[in-house]
N, C-alpha and C. Protein backbone atom coordinates (compact mmCIF):
# COMPACT_ATOMS: atom_id res chain seq x y z
N MET A 1 -9.63 -5.84 18.38
CA MET A 1 -8.86 -6.71 17.51
C MET A 1 -8.75 -6.08 16.13
N GLU A 2 -7.56 -6.07 15.57
CA GLU A 2 -7.36 -5.51 14.24
C GLU A 2 -7.35 -6.63 13.22
N TYR A 3 -8.16 -6.47 12.18
CA TYR A 3 -8.26 -7.47 11.13
C TYR A 3 -7.07 -7.32 10.19
N ALA A 4 -6.44 -8.43 9.80
CA ALA A 4 -5.27 -8.39 8.93
C ALA A 4 -5.50 -9.26 7.70
N LEU A 5 -4.80 -8.95 6.63
CA LEU A 5 -4.87 -9.75 5.42
C LEU A 5 -4.23 -11.11 5.65
N ASN A 6 -4.66 -12.08 4.85
CA ASN A 6 -4.03 -13.39 4.92
C ASN A 6 -3.87 -13.94 3.51
N THR A 7 -3.23 -15.08 3.41
CA THR A 7 -2.94 -15.67 2.11
C THR A 7 -4.21 -16.02 1.33
N LEU A 8 -5.26 -16.42 2.03
CA LEU A 8 -6.52 -16.76 1.37
C LEU A 8 -7.10 -15.57 0.60
N VAL A 9 -6.84 -14.38 1.07
CA VAL A 9 -7.30 -13.17 0.39
C VAL A 9 -6.24 -12.66 -0.59
N ALA A 10 -4.97 -12.75 -0.21
CA ALA A 10 -3.89 -12.16 -1.00
C ALA A 10 -3.68 -12.87 -2.33
N VAL A 11 -3.74 -14.18 -2.36
CA VAL A 11 -3.46 -14.91 -3.61
C VAL A 11 -4.51 -14.60 -4.68
N PRO A 12 -5.82 -14.68 -4.38
CA PRO A 12 -6.80 -14.29 -5.41
C PRO A 12 -6.65 -12.81 -5.82
N ALA A 13 -6.27 -11.97 -4.88
CA ALA A 13 -6.08 -10.55 -5.21
C ALA A 13 -4.95 -10.39 -6.21
N LEU A 14 -3.85 -11.10 -6.00
CA LEU A 14 -2.72 -11.01 -6.93
C LEU A 14 -3.09 -11.56 -8.30
N ILE A 15 -3.87 -12.64 -8.32
CA ILE A 15 -4.33 -13.19 -9.61
C ILE A 15 -5.20 -12.17 -10.33
N PHE A 16 -6.12 -11.52 -9.61
CA PHE A 16 -6.97 -10.49 -10.20
C PHE A 16 -6.12 -9.34 -10.75
N MET A 17 -5.15 -8.87 -9.97
CA MET A 17 -4.32 -7.76 -10.43
C MET A 17 -3.52 -8.14 -11.67
N PHE A 18 -3.03 -9.37 -11.71
CA PHE A 18 -2.30 -9.84 -12.90
C PHE A 18 -3.23 -9.85 -14.11
N LEU A 19 -4.44 -10.40 -13.97
CA LEU A 19 -5.39 -10.46 -15.08
C LEU A 19 -5.78 -9.07 -15.56
N ALA A 20 -6.02 -8.17 -14.62
CA ALA A 20 -6.39 -6.79 -14.99
C ALA A 20 -5.23 -6.09 -15.70
N ALA A 21 -4.01 -6.27 -15.20
CA ALA A 21 -2.85 -5.65 -15.82
C ALA A 21 -2.63 -6.20 -17.23
N ALA A 22 -2.76 -7.51 -17.38
CA ALA A 22 -2.58 -8.12 -18.70
C ALA A 22 -3.64 -7.63 -19.67
N SER A 23 -4.88 -7.51 -19.21
CA SER A 23 -5.96 -7.00 -20.05
C SER A 23 -5.70 -5.56 -20.46
N ASP A 24 -5.27 -4.74 -19.52
CA ASP A 24 -5.01 -3.33 -19.82
C ASP A 24 -3.83 -3.19 -20.78
N LEU A 25 -2.83 -4.01 -20.62
CA LEU A 25 -1.67 -3.97 -21.51
C LEU A 25 -2.05 -4.42 -22.91
N ARG A 26 -2.85 -5.49 -23.00
CA ARG A 26 -3.20 -6.06 -24.29
C ARG A 26 -4.26 -5.23 -25.02
N ALA A 27 -5.34 -4.87 -24.34
CA ALA A 27 -6.48 -4.26 -25.01
C ALA A 27 -6.76 -2.82 -24.58
N ARG A 28 -5.98 -2.30 -23.62
CA ARG A 28 -6.18 -0.96 -23.06
C ARG A 28 -7.57 -0.78 -22.45
N ARG A 29 -8.07 -1.87 -21.90
CA ARG A 29 -9.32 -1.81 -21.15
C ARG A 29 -9.32 -2.95 -20.14
N ILE A 30 -10.06 -2.72 -19.05
CA ILE A 30 -10.21 -3.73 -18.01
C ILE A 30 -11.70 -4.07 -17.96
N SER A 31 -12.01 -5.32 -18.16
CA SER A 31 -13.38 -5.78 -18.28
C SER A 31 -14.23 -5.47 -17.04
N ASN A 32 -15.44 -4.99 -17.28
CA ASN A 32 -16.38 -4.76 -16.19
C ASN A 32 -16.69 -6.07 -15.46
N LYS A 33 -16.79 -7.15 -16.22
CA LYS A 33 -17.10 -8.45 -15.62
C LYS A 33 -15.98 -8.88 -14.67
N LEU A 34 -14.73 -8.69 -15.08
CA LEU A 34 -13.59 -9.03 -14.22
C LEU A 34 -13.61 -8.18 -12.95
N ASN A 35 -13.81 -6.87 -13.10
CA ASN A 35 -13.85 -5.98 -11.94
C ASN A 35 -15.00 -6.33 -11.00
N PHE A 36 -16.18 -6.59 -11.54
CA PHE A 36 -17.34 -6.91 -10.71
C PHE A 36 -17.14 -8.21 -9.95
N CYS A 37 -16.68 -9.25 -10.66
CA CYS A 37 -16.46 -10.54 -10.00
C CYS A 37 -15.38 -10.44 -8.93
N ALA A 38 -14.33 -9.69 -9.22
CA ALA A 38 -13.26 -9.52 -8.24
C ALA A 38 -13.76 -8.77 -7.01
N ALA A 39 -14.56 -7.74 -7.20
CA ALA A 39 -15.09 -6.98 -6.07
C ALA A 39 -15.96 -7.87 -5.18
N LEU A 40 -16.80 -8.68 -5.80
CA LEU A 40 -17.63 -9.61 -5.03
C LEU A 40 -16.78 -10.64 -4.30
N LEU A 41 -15.77 -11.18 -4.99
CA LEU A 41 -14.89 -12.18 -4.38
C LEU A 41 -14.13 -11.59 -3.20
N GLY A 42 -13.59 -10.40 -3.38
CA GLY A 42 -12.86 -9.75 -2.29
C GLY A 42 -13.73 -9.52 -1.07
N ALA A 43 -14.94 -9.04 -1.29
CA ALA A 43 -15.86 -8.80 -0.17
C ALA A 43 -16.23 -10.12 0.51
N TRP A 44 -16.51 -11.14 -0.29
CA TRP A 44 -16.89 -12.44 0.28
C TRP A 44 -15.74 -13.05 1.07
N LEU A 45 -14.52 -13.03 0.49
CA LEU A 45 -13.37 -13.60 1.21
C LEU A 45 -13.11 -12.88 2.53
N HIS A 46 -13.24 -11.57 2.52
CA HIS A 46 -13.03 -10.82 3.77
C HIS A 46 -14.13 -11.13 4.79
N PHE A 47 -15.34 -11.32 4.32
CA PHE A 47 -16.42 -11.68 5.23
C PHE A 47 -16.18 -13.07 5.83
N VAL A 48 -15.78 -14.02 4.98
CA VAL A 48 -15.53 -15.39 5.44
C VAL A 48 -14.37 -15.43 6.43
N THR A 49 -13.31 -14.68 6.15
CA THR A 49 -12.11 -14.75 7.01
C THR A 49 -12.14 -13.77 8.17
N GLY A 50 -12.93 -12.71 8.07
CA GLY A 50 -12.91 -11.69 9.12
C GLY A 50 -14.26 -11.24 9.64
N GLY A 51 -15.31 -11.90 9.18
CA GLY A 51 -16.65 -11.53 9.63
C GLY A 51 -17.04 -10.13 9.21
N VAL A 52 -17.83 -9.49 10.04
CA VAL A 52 -18.32 -8.15 9.73
C VAL A 52 -17.16 -7.15 9.64
N GLU A 53 -16.15 -7.32 10.49
CA GLU A 53 -14.99 -6.43 10.44
C GLU A 53 -14.26 -6.55 9.10
N GLY A 54 -14.10 -7.78 8.62
CA GLY A 54 -13.47 -7.99 7.31
C GLY A 54 -14.30 -7.41 6.18
N LEU A 55 -15.61 -7.59 6.25
CA LEU A 55 -16.49 -7.02 5.23
C LEU A 55 -16.42 -5.50 5.24
N GLY A 56 -16.38 -4.92 6.43
CA GLY A 56 -16.24 -3.46 6.54
C GLY A 56 -14.95 -2.96 5.92
N MET A 57 -13.86 -3.70 6.14
CA MET A 57 -12.57 -3.34 5.53
C MET A 57 -12.67 -3.38 4.01
N SER A 58 -13.34 -4.41 3.50
CA SER A 58 -13.50 -4.57 2.06
C SER A 58 -14.34 -3.44 1.46
N LEU A 59 -15.47 -3.14 2.07
CA LEU A 59 -16.34 -2.08 1.57
C LEU A 59 -15.66 -0.71 1.67
N GLY A 60 -14.88 -0.51 2.72
CA GLY A 60 -14.12 0.74 2.84
C GLY A 60 -13.10 0.87 1.73
N GLY A 61 -12.46 -0.23 1.38
CA GLY A 61 -11.49 -0.22 0.28
C GLY A 61 -12.13 0.08 -1.06
N MET A 62 -13.32 -0.51 -1.29
CA MET A 62 -14.03 -0.23 -2.54
C MET A 62 -14.40 1.25 -2.63
N THR A 63 -14.90 1.78 -1.54
CA THR A 63 -15.29 3.20 -1.51
C THR A 63 -14.08 4.09 -1.74
N ALA A 64 -12.96 3.75 -1.11
CA ALA A 64 -11.74 4.54 -1.29
C ALA A 64 -11.27 4.48 -2.74
N GLY A 65 -11.33 3.31 -3.36
CA GLY A 65 -10.92 3.18 -4.76
C GLY A 65 -11.74 4.06 -5.68
N LEU A 66 -13.06 4.04 -5.47
CA LEU A 66 -13.93 4.90 -6.29
C LEU A 66 -13.66 6.37 -6.01
N GLY A 67 -13.53 6.70 -4.74
CA GLY A 67 -13.35 8.10 -4.36
C GLY A 67 -12.03 8.69 -4.82
N LEU A 68 -10.96 7.93 -4.69
CA LEU A 68 -9.64 8.47 -5.02
C LEU A 68 -9.44 8.69 -6.51
N LEU A 69 -10.07 7.88 -7.33
CA LEU A 69 -9.87 8.04 -8.78
C LEU A 69 -11.02 8.73 -9.49
N PHE A 70 -12.05 9.15 -8.74
CA PHE A 70 -13.18 9.81 -9.40
C PHE A 70 -12.77 11.14 -10.04
N VAL A 71 -12.03 11.97 -9.31
CA VAL A 71 -11.64 13.28 -9.85
C VAL A 71 -10.72 13.13 -11.06
N PRO A 72 -9.67 12.28 -11.00
CA PRO A 72 -8.88 12.08 -12.21
C PRO A 72 -9.71 11.54 -13.38
N PHE A 73 -10.70 10.70 -13.09
CA PHE A 73 -11.58 10.21 -14.15
C PHE A 73 -12.40 11.35 -14.75
N ALA A 74 -12.96 12.18 -13.88
CA ALA A 74 -13.79 13.30 -14.36
C ALA A 74 -12.96 14.28 -15.18
N ALA A 75 -11.66 14.39 -14.87
CA ALA A 75 -10.77 15.28 -15.62
C ALA A 75 -10.24 14.62 -16.89
N GLY A 76 -10.58 13.36 -17.12
CA GLY A 76 -10.14 12.67 -18.32
C GLY A 76 -8.74 12.11 -18.22
N MET A 77 -8.21 12.03 -17.02
CA MET A 77 -6.83 11.57 -16.85
C MET A 77 -6.72 10.05 -16.75
N VAL A 78 -7.77 9.38 -16.31
CA VAL A 78 -7.81 7.92 -16.25
C VAL A 78 -9.14 7.46 -16.82
N GLY A 79 -9.19 6.21 -17.23
CA GLY A 79 -10.41 5.66 -17.79
C GLY A 79 -11.32 5.09 -16.71
N GLY A 80 -12.55 4.83 -17.08
CA GLY A 80 -13.51 4.25 -16.15
C GLY A 80 -13.09 2.87 -15.66
N GLY A 81 -12.44 2.10 -16.52
CA GLY A 81 -11.96 0.79 -16.11
C GLY A 81 -10.94 0.87 -15.00
N ASP A 82 -10.11 1.92 -15.03
CA ASP A 82 -9.11 2.12 -13.97
C ASP A 82 -9.79 2.41 -12.64
N VAL A 83 -10.87 3.19 -12.68
CA VAL A 83 -11.60 3.52 -11.46
C VAL A 83 -12.24 2.26 -10.88
N LYS A 84 -12.89 1.48 -11.74
CA LYS A 84 -13.54 0.25 -11.28
C LYS A 84 -12.49 -0.76 -10.82
N PHE A 85 -11.34 -0.77 -11.48
CA PHE A 85 -10.24 -1.65 -11.06
C PHE A 85 -9.77 -1.28 -9.66
N ALA A 86 -9.61 0.01 -9.39
CA ALA A 86 -9.18 0.46 -8.07
C ALA A 86 -10.21 0.07 -7.01
N ALA A 87 -11.49 0.20 -7.34
CA ALA A 87 -12.53 -0.18 -6.39
C ALA A 87 -12.50 -1.69 -6.12
N ALA A 88 -12.36 -2.48 -7.18
CA ALA A 88 -12.31 -3.93 -7.00
C ALA A 88 -11.06 -4.34 -6.22
N ALA A 89 -9.93 -3.72 -6.53
CA ALA A 89 -8.70 -4.01 -5.78
C ALA A 89 -8.87 -3.59 -4.32
N GLY A 90 -9.57 -2.50 -4.10
CA GLY A 90 -9.83 -2.05 -2.74
C GLY A 90 -10.64 -3.06 -1.94
N SER A 91 -11.46 -3.86 -2.62
CA SER A 91 -12.23 -4.88 -1.90
C SER A 91 -11.31 -5.94 -1.31
N PHE A 92 -10.15 -6.12 -1.91
CA PHE A 92 -9.15 -7.05 -1.37
C PHE A 92 -8.22 -6.36 -0.37
N LEU A 93 -7.81 -5.13 -0.69
CA LEU A 93 -6.75 -4.46 0.07
C LEU A 93 -7.23 -3.68 1.29
N GLY A 94 -8.45 -3.18 1.25
CA GLY A 94 -8.88 -2.25 2.28
C GLY A 94 -8.37 -0.85 1.94
N ALA A 95 -8.91 0.15 2.59
CA ALA A 95 -8.60 1.55 2.24
C ALA A 95 -7.14 1.91 2.47
N GLY A 96 -6.58 1.54 3.61
CA GLY A 96 -5.22 1.94 3.93
C GLY A 96 -4.19 1.38 2.96
N LEU A 97 -4.25 0.09 2.71
CA LEU A 97 -3.30 -0.54 1.80
C LEU A 97 -3.53 -0.10 0.36
N LEU A 98 -4.80 0.14 0.02
CA LEU A 98 -5.11 0.64 -1.32
C LEU A 98 -4.43 1.99 -1.54
N CYS A 99 -4.48 2.87 -0.57
CA CYS A 99 -3.84 4.19 -0.71
C CYS A 99 -2.34 4.05 -0.93
N ILE A 100 -1.70 3.16 -0.19
CA ILE A 100 -0.26 2.94 -0.37
C ILE A 100 0.01 2.39 -1.76
N GLY A 101 -0.78 1.40 -2.18
CA GLY A 101 -0.59 0.81 -3.49
C GLY A 101 -0.86 1.78 -4.63
N LEU A 102 -1.93 2.57 -4.51
CA LEU A 102 -2.21 3.57 -5.54
C LEU A 102 -1.10 4.61 -5.60
N GLY A 103 -0.61 5.02 -4.44
CA GLY A 103 0.50 5.98 -4.42
C GLY A 103 1.71 5.44 -5.14
N ALA A 104 2.05 4.19 -4.87
CA ALA A 104 3.19 3.57 -5.54
C ALA A 104 2.94 3.46 -7.04
N GLY A 105 1.71 3.10 -7.42
CA GLY A 105 1.37 2.99 -8.84
C GLY A 105 1.42 4.32 -9.56
N VAL A 106 0.98 5.38 -8.89
CA VAL A 106 1.01 6.72 -9.49
C VAL A 106 2.46 7.17 -9.69
N VAL A 107 3.31 6.93 -8.70
CA VAL A 107 4.73 7.28 -8.84
C VAL A 107 5.35 6.49 -9.99
N LEU A 108 5.07 5.19 -10.06
CA LEU A 108 5.60 4.37 -11.15
C LEU A 108 5.12 4.89 -12.50
N ALA A 109 3.83 5.24 -12.60
CA ALA A 109 3.29 5.78 -13.85
C ALA A 109 3.98 7.09 -14.22
N GLY A 110 4.25 7.93 -13.23
CA GLY A 110 4.95 9.19 -13.51
C GLY A 110 6.35 8.96 -14.04
N VAL A 111 7.05 8.01 -13.45
CA VAL A 111 8.42 7.70 -13.90
C VAL A 111 8.39 7.13 -15.32
N VAL A 112 7.50 6.18 -15.56
CA VAL A 112 7.40 5.57 -16.88
C VAL A 112 6.95 6.61 -17.91
N GLY A 113 5.97 7.43 -17.54
CA GLY A 113 5.50 8.47 -18.47
C GLY A 113 6.58 9.49 -18.79
N ALA A 114 7.31 9.93 -17.77
CA ALA A 114 8.39 10.89 -18.00
C ALA A 114 9.47 10.28 -18.89
N GLY A 115 9.80 9.03 -18.61
CA GLY A 115 10.79 8.34 -19.44
C GLY A 115 10.33 8.22 -20.88
N SER A 116 9.06 7.91 -21.07
CA SER A 116 8.50 7.79 -22.41
C SER A 116 8.54 9.13 -23.15
N ILE A 117 8.20 10.20 -22.44
CA ILE A 117 8.23 11.53 -23.06
C ILE A 117 9.66 11.92 -23.44
N LEU A 118 10.59 11.69 -22.54
CA LEU A 118 11.98 12.03 -22.83
C LEU A 118 12.54 11.23 -24.00
N CYS A 119 12.19 9.96 -24.06
CA CYS A 119 12.68 9.10 -25.14
C CYS A 119 12.03 9.43 -26.48
N SER A 120 10.82 9.98 -26.46
CA SER A 120 10.13 10.28 -27.71
C SER A 120 10.60 11.59 -28.35
N GLY A 121 11.34 12.41 -27.60
CA GLY A 121 11.80 13.68 -28.13
C GLY A 121 10.74 14.77 -28.13
N LYS A 122 9.64 14.55 -27.42
CA LYS A 122 8.53 15.51 -27.42
C LYS A 122 8.41 16.25 -26.10
N ALA A 123 9.48 16.30 -25.33
CA ALA A 123 9.43 16.90 -23.99
C ALA A 123 9.02 18.37 -24.06
N LYS A 124 9.56 19.12 -25.01
CA LYS A 124 9.24 20.55 -25.11
C LYS A 124 7.76 20.74 -25.43
N ALA A 125 7.23 19.98 -26.37
CA ALA A 125 5.82 20.11 -26.75
C ALA A 125 4.91 19.73 -25.58
N VAL A 126 5.30 18.69 -24.85
CA VAL A 126 4.49 18.26 -23.70
C VAL A 126 4.51 19.33 -22.62
N MET A 127 5.66 19.91 -22.34
CA MET A 127 5.75 20.95 -21.31
C MET A 127 4.95 22.19 -21.71
N LEU A 128 4.99 22.56 -22.98
CA LEU A 128 4.19 23.71 -23.44
C LEU A 128 2.70 23.41 -23.31
N GLY A 129 2.29 22.19 -23.64
CA GLY A 129 0.89 21.80 -23.48
C GLY A 129 0.47 21.79 -22.03
N LEU A 130 1.35 21.30 -21.15
CA LEU A 130 1.06 21.29 -19.72
C LEU A 130 0.92 22.71 -19.19
N TRP A 131 1.82 23.60 -19.62
CA TRP A 131 1.75 25.00 -19.20
C TRP A 131 0.44 25.64 -19.66
N ALA A 132 0.03 25.35 -20.89
CA ALA A 132 -1.24 25.88 -21.40
C ALA A 132 -2.41 25.35 -20.59
N ASP A 133 -2.38 24.05 -20.26
CA ASP A 133 -3.45 23.46 -19.44
C ASP A 133 -3.51 24.12 -18.06
N LEU A 134 -2.36 24.34 -17.44
CA LEU A 134 -2.33 24.97 -16.12
C LEU A 134 -2.89 26.39 -16.17
N ASN A 135 -2.58 27.13 -17.23
CA ASN A 135 -3.14 28.48 -17.38
C ASN A 135 -4.65 28.44 -17.55
N ILE A 136 -5.15 27.46 -18.30
CA ILE A 136 -6.59 27.32 -18.48
C ILE A 136 -7.26 26.97 -17.15
N ILE A 137 -6.66 26.03 -16.41
CA ILE A 137 -7.20 25.64 -15.11
C ILE A 137 -7.21 26.84 -14.16
N ALA A 138 -6.12 27.62 -14.17
CA ALA A 138 -6.02 28.79 -13.29
C ALA A 138 -7.10 29.83 -13.61
N SER A 139 -7.54 29.86 -14.87
CA SER A 139 -8.59 30.82 -15.24
C SER A 139 -9.98 30.30 -14.90
N GLY A 140 -10.06 29.07 -14.35
CA GLY A 140 -11.35 28.52 -13.95
C GLY A 140 -12.04 27.71 -15.01
N GLN A 141 -11.38 27.46 -16.12
CA GLN A 141 -11.98 26.67 -17.19
C GLN A 141 -11.42 25.26 -17.16
N ARG A 142 -12.06 24.37 -17.90
CA ARG A 142 -11.61 22.99 -17.99
C ARG A 142 -10.83 22.81 -19.29
N PRO A 143 -9.58 22.35 -19.19
CA PRO A 143 -8.80 22.16 -20.42
C PRO A 143 -9.28 20.95 -21.21
N GLY A 144 -9.24 21.06 -22.52
CA GLY A 144 -9.61 19.93 -23.36
C GLY A 144 -8.43 19.03 -23.65
N THR A 145 -7.22 19.49 -23.40
CA THR A 145 -6.04 18.73 -23.79
C THR A 145 -5.64 17.66 -22.79
N LEU A 146 -6.29 17.60 -21.63
CA LEU A 146 -5.96 16.52 -20.70
C LEU A 146 -6.40 15.17 -21.24
N LYS A 147 -7.43 15.16 -22.05
CA LYS A 147 -7.87 13.91 -22.65
C LYS A 147 -6.94 13.59 -23.83
N ALA A 148 -6.67 12.30 -23.99
CA ALA A 148 -5.79 11.89 -25.08
C ALA A 148 -6.48 12.14 -26.42
N GLY A 149 -5.83 12.89 -27.26
CA GLY A 149 -6.37 13.17 -28.58
C GLY A 149 -5.84 12.19 -29.60
N GLU A 150 -6.24 12.39 -30.85
CA GLU A 150 -5.75 11.52 -31.91
C GLU A 150 -4.24 11.66 -32.04
N GLY A 151 -3.59 10.56 -32.22
CA GLY A 151 -2.15 10.57 -32.37
C GLY A 151 -1.39 10.65 -31.05
N THR A 152 -2.11 10.73 -29.94
CA THR A 152 -1.48 10.80 -28.64
C THR A 152 -1.22 9.39 -28.15
N ARG A 153 0.00 9.15 -27.71
CA ARG A 153 0.32 7.84 -27.13
C ARG A 153 -0.13 7.83 -25.68
N THR A 154 -0.78 6.78 -25.29
CA THR A 154 -1.19 6.63 -23.91
C THR A 154 -0.49 5.41 -23.32
N MET A 155 -0.50 5.34 -22.01
CA MET A 155 0.08 4.17 -21.37
C MET A 155 -1.01 3.42 -20.63
N PRO A 156 -0.84 2.12 -20.47
CA PRO A 156 -1.83 1.35 -19.72
C PRO A 156 -1.70 1.65 -18.23
N TYR A 157 -2.47 2.64 -17.78
CA TYR A 157 -2.37 3.11 -16.40
C TYR A 157 -2.73 2.02 -15.40
N GLY A 158 -3.69 1.16 -15.77
CA GLY A 158 -4.08 0.06 -14.89
C GLY A 158 -2.91 -0.87 -14.59
N LEU A 159 -2.03 -1.04 -15.56
CA LEU A 159 -0.83 -1.86 -15.36
C LEU A 159 0.03 -1.27 -14.25
N MET A 160 0.24 0.05 -14.31
CA MET A 160 1.08 0.71 -13.30
C MET A 160 0.43 0.64 -11.92
N LEU A 161 -0.89 0.86 -11.87
CA LEU A 161 -1.60 0.77 -10.60
C LEU A 161 -1.53 -0.66 -10.04
N ALA A 162 -1.67 -1.64 -10.92
CA ALA A 162 -1.62 -3.04 -10.48
C ALA A 162 -0.26 -3.39 -9.89
N VAL A 163 0.80 -2.92 -10.51
CA VAL A 163 2.14 -3.20 -9.98
C VAL A 163 2.31 -2.56 -8.61
N GLY A 164 1.87 -1.31 -8.46
CA GLY A 164 1.98 -0.64 -7.17
C GLY A 164 1.15 -1.32 -6.10
N MET A 165 -0.08 -1.69 -6.44
CA MET A 165 -0.96 -2.34 -5.45
C MET A 165 -0.48 -3.75 -5.12
N ALA A 166 0.00 -4.48 -6.12
CA ALA A 166 0.51 -5.83 -5.86
C ALA A 166 1.74 -5.77 -4.96
N GLY A 167 2.60 -4.79 -5.19
CA GLY A 167 3.78 -4.63 -4.33
C GLY A 167 3.39 -4.33 -2.89
N ALA A 168 2.42 -3.46 -2.71
CA ALA A 168 1.95 -3.13 -1.35
C ALA A 168 1.32 -4.35 -0.69
N LEU A 169 0.56 -5.11 -1.47
CA LEU A 169 -0.10 -6.31 -0.93
C LEU A 169 0.92 -7.37 -0.52
N VAL A 170 1.89 -7.63 -1.38
CA VAL A 170 2.92 -8.63 -1.06
C VAL A 170 3.67 -8.19 0.19
N HIS A 171 4.03 -6.93 0.25
CA HIS A 171 4.75 -6.42 1.42
C HIS A 171 3.92 -6.60 2.70
N ALA A 172 2.66 -6.23 2.65
CA ALA A 172 1.82 -6.28 3.84
C ALA A 172 1.48 -7.71 4.26
N THR A 173 1.34 -8.60 3.29
CA THR A 173 0.91 -9.96 3.61
C THR A 173 2.07 -10.83 4.08
N TRP A 174 3.19 -10.73 3.40
CA TRP A 174 4.29 -11.64 3.72
C TRP A 174 5.50 -10.93 4.32
N ARG A 175 5.34 -9.67 4.70
CA ARG A 175 6.38 -8.90 5.40
C ARG A 175 7.75 -9.07 4.76
N ILE A 176 7.90 -8.51 3.57
CA ILE A 176 9.13 -8.70 2.81
C ILE A 176 10.22 -7.70 3.16
N GLU A 177 10.04 -6.93 4.23
CA GLU A 177 11.06 -5.92 4.53
C GLU A 177 12.44 -6.53 4.75
N THR A 178 12.51 -7.78 5.18
CA THR A 178 13.83 -8.39 5.35
C THR A 178 14.52 -8.58 4.01
N TRP A 179 13.74 -8.72 2.94
CA TRP A 179 14.32 -8.85 1.61
C TRP A 179 14.73 -7.49 1.04
N LEU A 180 14.01 -6.46 1.44
CA LEU A 180 14.24 -5.14 0.87
C LEU A 180 15.33 -4.35 1.59
N GLY A 181 15.61 -4.70 2.82
CA GLY A 181 16.62 -3.99 3.59
C GLY A 181 16.23 -2.54 3.81
N PRO A 182 17.09 -1.60 3.42
CA PRO A 182 16.82 -0.18 3.68
C PRO A 182 15.66 0.40 2.86
N LEU A 183 15.19 -0.32 1.84
CA LEU A 183 14.08 0.19 1.03
C LEU A 183 12.73 -0.09 1.64
N SER A 184 12.66 -0.88 2.72
CA SER A 184 11.36 -1.23 3.29
C SER A 184 10.75 -0.02 4.01
N TRP A 185 9.40 -0.01 4.04
CA TRP A 185 8.72 1.08 4.74
C TRP A 185 8.09 0.58 6.00
């Protein structure tokens, strides 16, 4: 038997993602307390609705969230709150849906980031910095410029991840492909 998401799990997950996204947008941080409570709630709801199989799905999602964002965190590309947010969201989504949602969130962040760079008029400087970072990485060293420095504009990455994960969750839970037509996966 394959365990599936249901509304009892999906609605609290969407509320959590909204709260995390709002927090990241407002304060550029996602509270540890929010992430911890959400992770516990996700695991508990999956256990209640799916027994040991549901709990296993939840724990697998948490592990995937930590694992997938650990390297970007270590490189300074995302904050610790984003990693904990992905783990907590994984407790609701499970590993498979988390991967789809994170992928969508990363693509959205890339589009928004590229648009922001193009609109700011700093595309040439950003490309030169990226080229310098790639050369440093190729030489086996760790670049210092991947971390946001003073005067660097950052985007609330958790917001982008939340939108991607919420979209994947809504699609998986309520099968919205009939609404999306040719865009459905």
